[in-house]
PDB file of all heavy atoms in Angstrom:
ATOM      1  N   ASP A   1      54.443 302.524  68.970  1.00  0.00           N
ATOM      2  CA  ASP A   1      53.093 303.226  68.893  1.00  0.00           C
ATOM      3  C   ASP A   1      52.636 303.132  67.461  1.00  0.00           C
ATOM      4  O   ASP A   1      51.359 303.046  67.246  1.00  0.00           O
ATOM      5  CB  ASP A   1      53.256 304.623  69.312  1.00  0.00           C
ATOM      6  CG  ASP A   1      53.475 304.840  70.794  1.00  0.00           C
ATOM      7  OD1 ASP A   1      53.156 303.846  71.564  1.00  0.00           O
ATOM      8  OD2 ASP A   1      53.911 305.885  71.269  1.00  0.00           O
ATOM      9  N   ILE A   2      53.481 303.292  66.497  1.00  0.00           N
ATOM     10  CA  ILE A   2      53.084 303.244  65.104  1.00  0.00           C
ATOM     11  C   ILE A   2      52.532 301.867  64.742  1.00  0.00           C
ATOM     12  O   ILE A   2      51.497 301.716  64.103  1.00  0.00           O
ATOM     13  CB  ILE A   2      54.274 303.599  64.211  1.00  0.00           C
ATOM     14  CG1 ILE A   2      54.577 305.109  64.255  1.00  0.00           C
ATOM     15  CG2 ILE A   2      53.959 303.299  62.709  1.00  0.00           C
ATOM     16  CD1 ILE A   2      55.805 305.536  63.540  1.00  0.00           C
ATOM     17  N   VAL A   3      53.268 300.780  65.197  1.00  0.00           N
ATOM     18  CA  VAL A   3      52.817 299.411  64.922  1.00  0.00           C
ATOM     19  C   VAL A   3      51.402 299.184  65.533  1.00  0.00           C
ATOM     20  O   VAL A   3      50.508 298.608  64.908  1.00  0.00           O
ATOM     21  CB  VAL A   3      53.841 298.391  65.446  1.00  0.00           C
ATOM     22  CG1 VAL A   3      53.229 296.996  65.423  1.00  0.00           C
ATOM     23  CG2 VAL A   3      55.111 298.432  64.598  1.00  0.00           C
ATOM     24  N   GLU A   4      51.277 299.669  66.725  1.00  0.00           N
ATOM     25  CA  GLU A   4      49.956 299.438  67.455  1.00  0.00           C
ATOM     26  C   GLU A   4      48.841 300.243  66.762  1.00  0.00           C
ATOM     27  O   GLU A   4      47.755 299.704  66.581  1.00  0.00           O
ATOM     28  CB  GLU A   4      50.073 299.901  68.960  1.00  0.00           C
ATOM     29  CG  GLU A   4      50.979 298.983  69.784  1.00  0.00           C
ATOM     30  CD  GLU A   4      50.420 297.619  69.825  1.00  0.00           C
ATOM     31  OE1 GLU A   4      49.221 297.402  70.116  1.00  0.00           O
ATOM     32  OE2 GLU A   4      51.215 296.651  69.563  1.00  0.00           O
ATOM     33  N   LYS A   5      49.076 301.432  66.339  1.00  0.00           N
ATOM     34  CA  LYS A   5      48.098 302.263  65.683  1.00  0.00           C
ATOM     35  C   LYS A   5      47.705 301.664  64.291  1.00  0.00           C
ATOM     36  O   LYS A   5      46.566 301.532  63.982  1.00  0.00           O
ATOM     37  CB  LYS A   5      48.557 303.705  65.506  1.00  0.00           C
ATOM     38  CG  LYS A   5      47.496 304.580  64.858  1.00  0.00           C
ATOM     39  CD  LYS A   5      48.000 306.026  64.798  1.00  0.00           C
ATOM     40  CE  LYS A   5      46.919 306.901  64.124  1.00  0.00           C
ATOM     41  NZ  LYS A   5      47.411 308.330  64.005  1.00  0.00           N
ATOM     42  N   ALA A   6      48.774 301.277  63.571  1.00  0.00           N
ATOM     43  CA  ALA A   6      48.541 300.692  62.243  1.00  0.00           C
ATOM     44  C   ALA A   6      47.687 299.401  62.341  1.00  0.00           C
ATOM     45  O   ALA A   6      46.756 299.200  61.526  1.00  0.00           O
ATOM     46  CB  ALA A   6      49.812 300.484  61.510  1.00  0.00           C
ATOM     47  N   SER A   7      48.051 298.524  63.310  1.00  0.00           N
ATOM     48  CA  SER A   7      47.348 297.241  63.351  1.00  0.00           C
ATOM     49  C   SER A   7      45.933 297.477  63.839  1.00  0.00           C
ATOM     50  O   SER A   7      44.975 296.769  63.419  1.00  0.00           O
ATOM     51  CB  SER A   7      48.093 296.283  64.300  1.00  0.00           C
ATOM     52  OG  SER A   7      48.271 296.959  65.562  1.00  0.00           O
ATOM     53  N   ARG A   8      45.708 298.456  64.749  1.00  0.00           N
ATOM     54  CA  ARG A   8      44.366 298.754  65.196  1.00  0.00           C
ATOM     55  C   ARG A   8      43.516 299.303  64.070  1.00  0.00           C
ATOM     56  O   ARG A   8      42.356 298.837  63.857  1.00  0.00           O
ATOM     57  CB  ARG A   8      44.406 299.790  66.382  1.00  0.00           C
ATOM     58  CG  ARG A   8      42.989 300.028  66.910  1.00  0.00           C
ATOM     59  CD  ARG A   8      43.065 301.052  68.064  1.00  0.00           C
ATOM     60  NE  ARG A   8      43.498 302.416  67.676  1.00  0.00           N
ATOM     61  CZ  ARG A   8      44.685 302.931  67.915  1.00  0.00           C
ATOM     62  NH1 ARG A   8      45.584 302.275  68.619  1.00  0.00           N
ATOM     63  NH2 ARG A   8      44.971 304.099  67.506  1.00  0.00           N
ATOM     64  N   GLU A   9      44.045 300.185  63.280  1.00  0.00           N
ATOM     65  CA  GLU A   9      43.312 300.730  62.186  1.00  0.00           C
ATOM     66  C   GLU A   9      43.015 299.734  61.147  1.00  0.00           C
ATOM     67  O   GLU A   9      41.976 299.768  60.471  1.00  0.00           O
ATOM     68  CB  GLU A   9      44.076 301.946  61.568  1.00  0.00           C
ATOM     69  CG  GLU A   9      44.072 303.142  62.425  1.00  0.00           C
ATOM     70  CD  GLU A   9      44.676 304.387  61.700  1.00  0.00           C
ATOM     71  OE1 GLU A   9      44.962 304.280  60.500  1.00  0.00           O
ATOM     72  OE2 GLU A   9      44.846 305.434  62.345  1.00  0.00           O
ATOM     73  N   ALA A  10      43.900 298.753  60.951  1.00  0.00           N
ATOM     74  CA  ALA A  10      43.743 297.724  59.982  1.00  0.00           C
ATOM     75  C   ALA A  10      42.497 296.856  60.311  1.00  0.00           C
ATOM     76  O   ALA A  10      41.711 296.587  59.438  1.00  0.00           O
ATOM     77  CB  ALA A  10      44.954 296.830  59.834  1.00  0.00           C
ATOM     78  N   VAL A  11      42.429 296.545  61.591  1.00  0.00           N
ATOM     79  CA  VAL A  11      41.226 295.696  62.006  1.00  0.00           C
ATOM     80  C   VAL A  11      39.934 296.529  61.916  1.00  0.00           C
ATOM     81  O   VAL A  11      38.858 296.005  61.519  1.00  0.00           O
ATOM     82  CB  VAL A  11      41.487 295.149  63.392  1.00  0.00           C
ATOM     83  CG1 VAL A  11      40.227 294.491  63.953  1.00  0.00           C
ATOM     84  CG2 VAL A  11      42.649 294.191  63.437  1.00  0.00           C
ATOM     85  N   GLU A  12      40.031 297.758  62.270  1.00  0.00           N
ATOM     86  CA  GLU A  12      38.841 298.685  62.172  1.00  0.00           C
ATOM     87  C   GLU A  12      38.385 298.785  60.730  1.00  0.00           C
ATOM     88  O   GLU A  12      37.183 298.826  60.444  1.00  0.00           O
ATOM     89  CB  GLU A  12      39.150 300.042  62.816  1.00  0.00           C
ATOM     90  CG  GLU A  12      39.338 300.039  64.287  1.00  0.00           C
ATOM     91  CD  GLU A  12      39.788 301.379  64.874  1.00  0.00           C
ATOM     92  OE1 GLU A  12      40.128 302.256  64.020  1.00  0.00           O
ATOM     93  OE2 GLU A  12      39.776 301.542  66.096  1.00  0.00           O
ATOM     94  N   TYR A  13      39.371 298.867  59.841  1.00  0.00           N
ATOM     95  CA  TYR A  13      39.069 298.934  58.392  1.00  0.00           C
ATOM     96  C   TYR A  13      38.308 297.677  57.989  1.00  0.00           C
ATOM     97  O   TYR A  13      37.330 297.679  57.246  1.00  0.00           O
ATOM     98  CB  TYR A  13      40.335 299.109  57.597  1.00  0.00           C
ATOM     99  CG  TYR A  13      40.197 298.913  56.127  1.00  0.00           C
ATOM    100  CD1 TYR A  13      39.543 299.817  55.272  1.00  0.00           C
ATOM    101  CD2 TYR A  13      40.787 297.745  55.549  1.00  0.00           C
ATOM    102  CE1 TYR A  13      39.515 299.580  53.931  1.00  0.00           C
ATOM    103  CE2 TYR A  13      40.667 297.547  54.176  1.00  0.00           C
ATOM    104  CZ  TYR A  13      40.090 298.461  53.357  1.00  0.00           C
ATOM    105  OH  TYR A  13      39.965 298.156  51.985  1.00  0.00           O
ATOM    106  N   ALA A  14      38.845 296.488  58.470  1.00  0.00           N
ATOM    107  CA  ALA A  14      38.228 295.221  58.041  1.00  0.00           C
ATOM    108  C   ALA A  14      36.735 295.103  58.641  1.00  0.00           C
ATOM    109  O   ALA A  14      35.856 294.608  57.995  1.00  0.00           O
ATOM    110  CB  ALA A  14      39.095 294.051  58.592  1.00  0.00           C
ATOM    111  N   GLU A  15      36.602 295.668  59.849  1.00  0.00           N
ATOM    112  CA  GLU A  15      35.242 295.574  60.463  1.00  0.00           C
ATOM    113  C   GLU A  15      34.204 296.420  59.694  1.00  0.00           C
ATOM    114  O   GLU A  15      33.034 296.225  59.956  1.00  0.00           O
ATOM    115  CB  GLU A  15      35.379 296.105  61.916  1.00  0.00           C
ATOM    116  CG  GLU A  15      36.071 295.094  62.858  1.00  0.00           C
ATOM    117  CD  GLU A  15      36.202 295.561  64.248  1.00  0.00           C
ATOM    118  OE1 GLU A  15      36.520 296.794  64.420  1.00  0.00           O
ATOM    119  OE2 GLU A  15      35.880 294.774  65.188  1.00  0.00           O
ATOM    120  N   SER A  16      34.650 297.327  58.852  1.00  0.00           N
ATOM    121  CA  SER A  16      33.709 298.182  58.151  1.00  0.00           C
ATOM    122  C   SER A  16      33.087 297.438  57.012  1.00  0.00           C
ATOM    123  O   SER A  16      32.133 297.986  56.411  1.00  0.00           O
ATOM    124  CB  SER A  16      34.370 299.456  57.635  1.00  0.00           C
ATOM    125  OG  SER A  16      35.330 299.151  56.608  1.00  0.00           O
ATOM    126  N   PHE A  17      33.515 296.223  56.707  1.00  0.00           N
ATOM    127  CA  PHE A  17      32.907 295.415  55.609  1.00  0.00           C
ATOM    128  C   PHE A  17      32.133 294.253  56.203  1.00  0.00           C
ATOM    129  O   PHE A  17      32.357 293.790  57.342  1.00  0.00           O
ATOM    130  CB  PHE A  17      34.019 294.879  54.671  1.00  0.00           C
ATOM    131  CG  PHE A  17      34.728 295.944  53.972  1.00  0.00           C
ATOM    132  CD1 PHE A  17      35.913 296.464  54.499  1.00  0.00           C
ATOM    133  CD2 PHE A  17      34.301 296.439  52.773  1.00  0.00           C
ATOM    134  CE1 PHE A  17      36.614 297.463  53.870  1.00  0.00           C
ATOM    135  CE2 PHE A  17      34.966 297.454  52.098  1.00  0.00           C
ATOM    136  CZ  PHE A  17      36.109 297.987  52.654  1.00  0.00           C
ATOM    137  N   GLU A  18      31.193 293.747  55.504  1.00  0.00           N
ATOM    138  CA  GLU A  18      30.391 292.663  55.889  1.00  0.00           C
ATOM    139  C   GLU A  18      31.139 291.345  55.686  1.00  0.00           C
ATOM    140  O   GLU A  18      31.786 291.052  54.642  1.00  0.00           O
ATOM    141  CB  GLU A  18      29.079 292.602  55.071  1.00  0.00           C
ATOM    142  CG  GLU A  18      28.140 291.528  55.540  1.00  0.00           C
ATOM    143  CD  GLU A  18      26.793 291.633  54.730  1.00  0.00           C
ATOM    144  OE1 GLU A  18      26.666 292.468  53.898  1.00  0.00           O
ATOM    145  OE2 GLU A  18      25.943 290.710  55.000  1.00  0.00           O
ATOM    146  N   ASP A  19      31.063 290.447  56.684  1.00  0.00           N
ATOM    147  CA  ASP A  19      31.752 289.144  56.654  1.00  0.00           C
ATOM    148  C   ASP A  19      33.171 289.165  56.206  1.00  0.00           C
ATOM    149  O   ASP A  19      33.597 288.568  55.247  1.00  0.00           O
ATOM    150  CB  ASP A  19      30.990 288.198  55.736  1.00  0.00           C
ATOM    151  CG  ASP A  19      29.599 287.876  56.219  1.00  0.00           C
ATOM    152  OD1 ASP A  19      29.364 287.848  57.477  1.00  0.00           O
ATOM    153  OD2 ASP A  19      28.692 287.662  55.339  1.00  0.00           O
ATOM    154  N   PRO A  20      34.032 289.982  56.911  1.00  0.00           N
ATOM    155  CA  PRO A  20      35.378 290.164  56.505  1.00  0.00           C
ATOM    156  C   PRO A  20      36.313 288.981  56.869  1.00  0.00           C
ATOM    157  O   PRO A  20      36.111 288.280  57.796  1.00  0.00           O
ATOM    158  CB  PRO A  20      35.855 291.363  57.287  1.00  0.00           C
ATOM    159  CG  PRO A  20      35.087 291.296  58.574  1.00  0.00           C
ATOM    160  CD  PRO A  20      33.729 290.757  58.157  1.00  0.00           C
ATOM    161  N   VAL A  21      37.294 288.748  56.013  1.00  0.00           N
ATOM    162  CA  VAL A  21      38.429 287.805  56.293  1.00  0.00           C
ATOM    163  C   VAL A  21      39.674 288.562  55.953  1.00  0.00           C
ATOM    164  O   VAL A  21      39.888 289.052  54.850  1.00  0.00           O
ATOM    165  CB  VAL A  21      38.310 286.488  55.416  1.00  0.00           C
ATOM    166  CG1 VAL A  21      39.608 285.697  55.604  1.00  0.00           C
ATOM    167  CG2 VAL A  21      37.120 285.731  55.844  1.00  0.00           C
ATOM    168  N   ILE A  22      40.539 288.694  56.931  1.00  0.00           N
ATOM    169  CA  ILE A  22      41.818 289.364  56.742  1.00  0.00           C
ATOM    170  C   ILE A  22      42.821 288.361  56.124  1.00  0.00           C
ATOM    171  O   ILE A  22      42.988 287.226  56.580  1.00  0.00           O
ATOM    172  CB  ILE A  22      42.329 289.918  58.060  1.00  0.00           C
ATOM    173  CG1 ILE A  22      41.477 291.126  58.469  1.00  0.00           C
ATOM    174  CG2 ILE A  22      43.833 290.385  57.895  1.00  0.00           C
ATOM    175  CD1 ILE A  22      41.925 291.748  59.816  1.00  0.00           C
ATOM    176  N   VAL A  23      43.491 288.748  55.062  1.00  0.00           N
ATOM    177  CA  VAL A  23      44.482 287.960  54.358  1.00  0.00           C
ATOM    178  C   VAL A  23      45.827 288.596  54.445  1.00  0.00           C
ATOM    179  O   VAL A  23      46.035 289.748  54.083  1.00  0.00           O
ATOM    180  CB  VAL A  23      44.048 287.716  52.867  1.00  0.00           C
ATOM    181  CG1 VAL A  23      44.984 286.622  52.272  1.00  0.00           C
ATOM    182  CG2 VAL A  23      42.667 287.320  52.779  1.00  0.00           C
ATOM    183  N   LEU A  24      46.869 287.830  54.932  1.00  0.00           N
ATOM    184  CA  LEU A  24      48.185 288.375  55.156  1.00  0.00           C
ATOM    185  C   LEU A  24      49.184 287.440  54.392  1.00  0.00           C
ATOM    186  O   LEU A  24      48.900 286.284  54.048  1.00  0.00           O
ATOM    187  CB  LEU A  24      48.547 288.406  56.598  1.00  0.00           C
ATOM    188  CG  LEU A  24      47.622 289.199  57.502  1.00  0.00           C
ATOM    189  CD1 LEU A  24      47.914 288.946  58.974  1.00  0.00           C
ATOM    190  CD2 LEU A  24      47.849 290.714  57.210  1.00  0.00           C
ATOM    191  N   GLU A  25      50.328 287.974  54.208  1.00  0.00           N
ATOM    192  CA  GLU A  25      51.392 287.173  53.531  1.00  0.00           C
ATOM    193  C   GLU A  25      52.006 286.226  54.520  1.00  0.00           C
ATOM    194  O   GLU A  25      52.247 286.601  55.744  1.00  0.00           O
ATOM    195  CB  GLU A  25      52.456 288.110  52.925  1.00  0.00           C
ATOM    196  CG  GLU A  25      51.927 288.931  51.759  1.00  0.00           C
ATOM    197  CD  GLU A  25      53.083 289.789  51.260  1.00  0.00           C
ATOM    198  OE1 GLU A  25      53.786 290.435  52.058  1.00  0.00           O
ATOM    199  OE2 GLU A  25      53.254 289.913  49.976  1.00  0.00           O
ATOM    200  N   ASP A  26      52.268 285.014  54.146  1.00  0.00           N
ATOM    201  CA  ASP A  26      52.926 284.046  54.998  1.00  0.00           C
ATOM    202  C   ASP A  26      54.460 284.322  54.981  1.00  0.00           C
ATOM    203  O   ASP A  26      55.140 284.078  53.926  1.00  0.00           O
ATOM    204  CB  ASP A  26      52.683 282.610  54.421  1.00  0.00           C
ATOM    205  CG  ASP A  26      53.242 281.523  55.357  1.00  0.00           C
ATOM    206  OD1 ASP A  26      54.125 281.850  56.208  1.00  0.00           O
ATOM    207  OD2 ASP A  26      52.823 280.368  55.236  1.00  0.00           O
ATOM    208  N   LEU A  27      55.005 284.836  56.031  1.00  0.00           N
ATOM    209  CA  LEU A  27      56.365 285.317  56.054  1.00  0.00           C
ATOM    210  C   LEU A  27      57.368 284.201  56.033  1.00  0.00           C
ATOM    211  O   LEU A  27      58.559 284.426  55.808  1.00  0.00           O
ATOM    212  CB  LEU A  27      56.584 286.177  57.366  1.00  0.00           C
ATOM    213  CG  LEU A  27      55.797 287.486  57.431  1.00  0.00           C
ATOM    214  CD1 LEU A  27      56.172 288.294  58.673  1.00  0.00           C
ATOM    215  CD2 LEU A  27      56.012 288.309  56.138  1.00  0.00           C
ATOM    216  N   SER A  28      56.886 283.009  56.265  1.00  0.00           N
ATOM    217  CA  SER A  28      57.890 281.874  56.170  1.00  0.00           C
ATOM    218  C   SER A  28      58.382 281.728  54.748  1.00  0.00           C
ATOM    219  O   SER A  28      59.503 281.241  54.510  1.00  0.00           O
ATOM    220  CB  SER A  28      57.213 280.559  56.607  1.00  0.00           C
ATOM    221  OG  SER A  28      56.117 280.178  55.760  1.00  0.00           O
ATOM    222  N   TYR A  29      57.613 282.127  53.715  1.00  0.00           N
ATOM    223  CA  TYR A  29      58.038 282.070  52.393  1.00  0.00           C
ATOM    224  C   TYR A  29      59.140 283.102  52.168  1.00  0.00           C
ATOM    225  O   TYR A  29      60.099 282.895  51.455  1.00  0.00           O
ATOM    226  CB  TYR A  29      56.877 282.368  51.398  1.00  0.00           C
ATOM    227  CG  TYR A  29      55.970 281.235  51.194  1.00  0.00           C
ATOM    228  CD1 TYR A  29      54.734 281.182  51.883  1.00  0.00           C
ATOM    229  CD2 TYR A  29      56.233 280.152  50.319  1.00  0.00           C
ATOM    230  CE1 TYR A  29      53.842 280.098  51.743  1.00  0.00           C
ATOM    231  CE2 TYR A  29      55.391 279.097  50.173  1.00  0.00           C
ATOM    232  CZ  TYR A  29      54.176 279.086  50.833  1.00  0.00           C
ATOM    233  OH  TYR A  29      53.351 278.040  50.695  1.00  0.00           O
ATOM    234  N   ILE A  30      58.988 284.290  52.765  1.00  0.00           N
ATOM    235  CA  ILE A  30      60.003 285.283  52.666  1.00  0.00           C
ATOM    236  C   ILE A  30      61.351 284.843  53.251  1.00  0.00           C
ATOM    237  O   ILE A  30      62.337 285.050  52.718  1.00  0.00           O
ATOM    238  CB  ILE A  30      59.520 286.662  53.302  1.00  0.00           C
ATOM    239  CG1 ILE A  30      58.357 287.233  52.529  1.00  0.00           C
ATOM    240  CG2 ILE A  30      60.648 287.641  53.399  1.00  0.00           C
ATOM    241  CD1 ILE A  30      57.750 288.409  53.115  1.00  0.00           C
ATOM    242  N   ARG A  31      61.269 284.184  54.453  1.00  0.00           N
ATOM    243  CA  ARG A  31      62.463 283.871  55.118  1.00  0.00           C
ATOM    244  C   ARG A  31      63.091 282.623  54.469  1.00  0.00           C
ATOM    245  O   ARG A  31      64.344 282.571  54.396  1.00  0.00           O
ATOM    246  CB  ARG A  31      62.106 283.462  56.588  1.00  0.00           C
ATOM    247  CG  ARG A  31      61.612 284.625  57.454  1.00  0.00           C
ATOM    248  CD  ARG A  31      61.650 284.238  58.937  1.00  0.00           C
ATOM    249  NE  ARG A  31      61.111 285.263  59.762  1.00  0.00           N
ATOM    250  CZ  ARG A  31      59.886 285.161  60.328  1.00  0.00           C
ATOM    251  NH1 ARG A  31      59.090 284.136  60.080  1.00  0.00           N
ATOM    252  NH2 ARG A  31      59.405 286.158  61.068  1.00  0.00           N
ATOM    253  N   GLU A  32      62.330 281.672  54.019  1.00  0.00           N
ATOM    254  CA  GLU A  32      62.859 280.380  53.556  1.00  0.00           C
ATOM    255  C   GLU A  32      63.102 280.317  52.042  1.00  0.00           C
ATOM    256  O   GLU A  32      64.076 279.711  51.599  1.00  0.00           O
ATOM    257  CB  GLU A  32      61.950 279.298  54.002  1.00  0.00           C
ATOM    258  CG  GLU A  32      61.836 279.138  55.505  1.00  0.00           C
ATOM    259  CD  GLU A  32      60.751 278.216  55.896  1.00  0.00           C
ATOM    260  OE1 GLU A  32      60.223 277.526  54.991  1.00  0.00           O
ATOM    261  OE2 GLU A  32      60.373 278.153  57.102  1.00  0.00           O
ATOM    262  N   ASN A  33      62.277 280.944  51.231  1.00  0.00           N
ATOM    263  CA  ASN A  33      62.257 280.683  49.854  1.00  0.00           C
ATOM    264  C   ASN A  33      62.827 281.819  48.988  1.00  0.00           C
ATOM    265  O   ASN A  33      63.186 281.566  47.808  1.00  0.00           O
ATOM    266  CB  ASN A  33      60.852 280.398  49.325  1.00  0.00           C
ATOM    267  CG  ASN A  33      60.334 279.104  49.922  1.00  0.00           C
ATOM    268  OD1 ASN A  33      61.051 278.300  50.477  1.00  0.00           O
ATOM    269  ND2 ASN A  33      58.987 278.903  49.842  1.00  0.00           N
ATOM    270  N   LEU A  34      62.841 282.969  49.539  1.00  0.00           N
ATOM    271  CA  LEU A  34      63.268 284.119  48.743  1.00  0.00           C
ATOM    272  C   LEU A  34      64.575 284.709  49.305  1.00  0.00           C
ATOM    273  O   LEU A  34      64.750 284.881  50.491  1.00  0.00           O
ATOM    274  CB  LEU A  34      62.222 285.226  48.723  1.00  0.00           C
ATOM    275  CG  LEU A  34      60.823 284.831  48.136  1.00  0.00           C
ATOM    276  CD1 LEU A  34      59.883 286.020  48.210  1.00  0.00           C
ATOM    277  CD2 LEU A  34      61.009 284.251  46.773  1.00  0.00           C
ATOM    278  N   ASP A  35      65.572 284.932  48.429  1.00  0.00           N
ATOM    279  CA  ASP A  35      66.825 285.438  48.804  1.00  0.00           C
ATOM    280  C   ASP A  35      66.884 286.926  48.387  1.00  0.00           C
ATOM    281  O   ASP A  35      67.124 287.221  47.176  1.00  0.00           O
ATOM    282  CB  ASP A  35      67.962 284.622  48.187  1.00  0.00           C
ATOM    283  CG  ASP A  35      69.338 285.168  48.656  1.00  0.00           C
ATOM    284  OD1 ASP A  35      69.321 286.055  49.619  1.00  0.00           O
ATOM    285  OD2 ASP A  35      70.332 284.824  48.096  1.00  0.00           O
ATOM    286  N   TYR A  36      66.716 287.844  49.333  1.00  0.00           N
ATOM    287  CA  TYR A  36      66.699 289.251  48.989  1.00  0.00           C
ATOM    288  C   TYR A  36      68.133 289.811  49.144  1.00  0.00           C
ATOM    289  O   TYR A  36      68.381 290.963  48.819  1.00  0.00           O
ATOM    290  CB  TYR A  36      65.810 290.044  49.952  1.00  0.00           C
ATOM    291  CG  TYR A  36      64.332 289.814  49.663  1.00  0.00           C
ATOM    292  CD1 TYR A  36      63.573 288.981  50.467  1.00  0.00           C
ATOM    293  CD2 TYR A  36      63.691 290.538  48.650  1.00  0.00           C
ATOM    294  CE1 TYR A  36      62.211 288.819  50.211  1.00  0.00           C
ATOM    295  CE2 TYR A  36      62.349 290.352  48.364  1.00  0.00           C
ATOM    296  CZ  TYR A  36      61.604 289.502  49.153  1.00  0.00           C
ATOM    297  OH  TYR A  36      60.316 289.359  48.963  1.00  0.00           O
ATOM    298  N   GLY A  37      69.070 289.018  49.604  1.00  0.00           N
ATOM    299  CA  GLY A  37      70.421 289.532  49.800  1.00  0.00           C
ATOM    300  C   GLY A  37      70.505 290.148  51.197  1.00  0.00           C
ATOM    301  O   GLY A  37      69.547 290.370  51.842  1.00  0.00           O
ATOM    302  N   LYS A  38      71.783 290.383  51.576  1.00  0.00           N
ATOM    303  CA  LYS A  38      72.081 290.904  52.937  1.00  0.00           C
ATOM    304  C   LYS A  38      71.391 292.197  53.259  1.00  0.00           C
ATOM    305  O   LYS A  38      70.774 292.374  54.348  1.00  0.00           O
ATOM    306  CB  LYS A  38      73.619 291.044  53.079  1.00  0.00           C
ATOM    307  CG  LYS A  38      74.010 291.482  54.509  1.00  0.00           C
ATOM    308  CD  LYS A  38      75.518 291.503  54.534  1.00  0.00           C
ATOM    309  CE  LYS A  38      75.957 292.023  55.971  1.00  0.00           C
ATOM    310  NZ  LYS A  38      77.500 292.066  56.015  1.00  0.00           N
ATOM    311  N   TYR A  39      71.403 293.106  52.308  1.00  0.00           N
ATOM    312  CA  TYR A  39      70.797 294.414  52.564  1.00  0.00           C
ATOM    313  C   TYR A  39      69.293 294.285  52.769  1.00  0.00           C
ATOM    314  O   TYR A  39      68.707 294.896  53.738  1.00  0.00           O
ATOM    315  CB  TYR A  39      71.119 295.415  51.431  1.00  0.00           C
ATOM    316  CG  TYR A  39      70.289 296.691  51.480  1.00  0.00           C
ATOM    317  CD1 TYR A  39      70.598 297.667  52.444  1.00  0.00           C
ATOM    318  CD2 TYR A  39      69.221 296.885  50.677  1.00  0.00           C
ATOM    319  CE1 TYR A  39      69.814 298.822  52.478  1.00  0.00           C
ATOM    320  CE2 TYR A  39      68.453 297.987  50.746  1.00  0.00           C
ATOM    321  CZ  TYR A  39      68.794 298.980  51.626  1.00  0.00           C
ATOM    322  OH  TYR A  39      68.035 300.101  51.732  1.00  0.00           O
TER     323      TYR A  39
END
């Protein structure tokens, strides 16, 4: 429910601006290029 609510509010926030483009982090960089350690 939290994920659904947060994602819905995120899109509603973006819609409040003119000509919006949502920009997200490419998670493949996190998985492949960065070593955060086991924890």
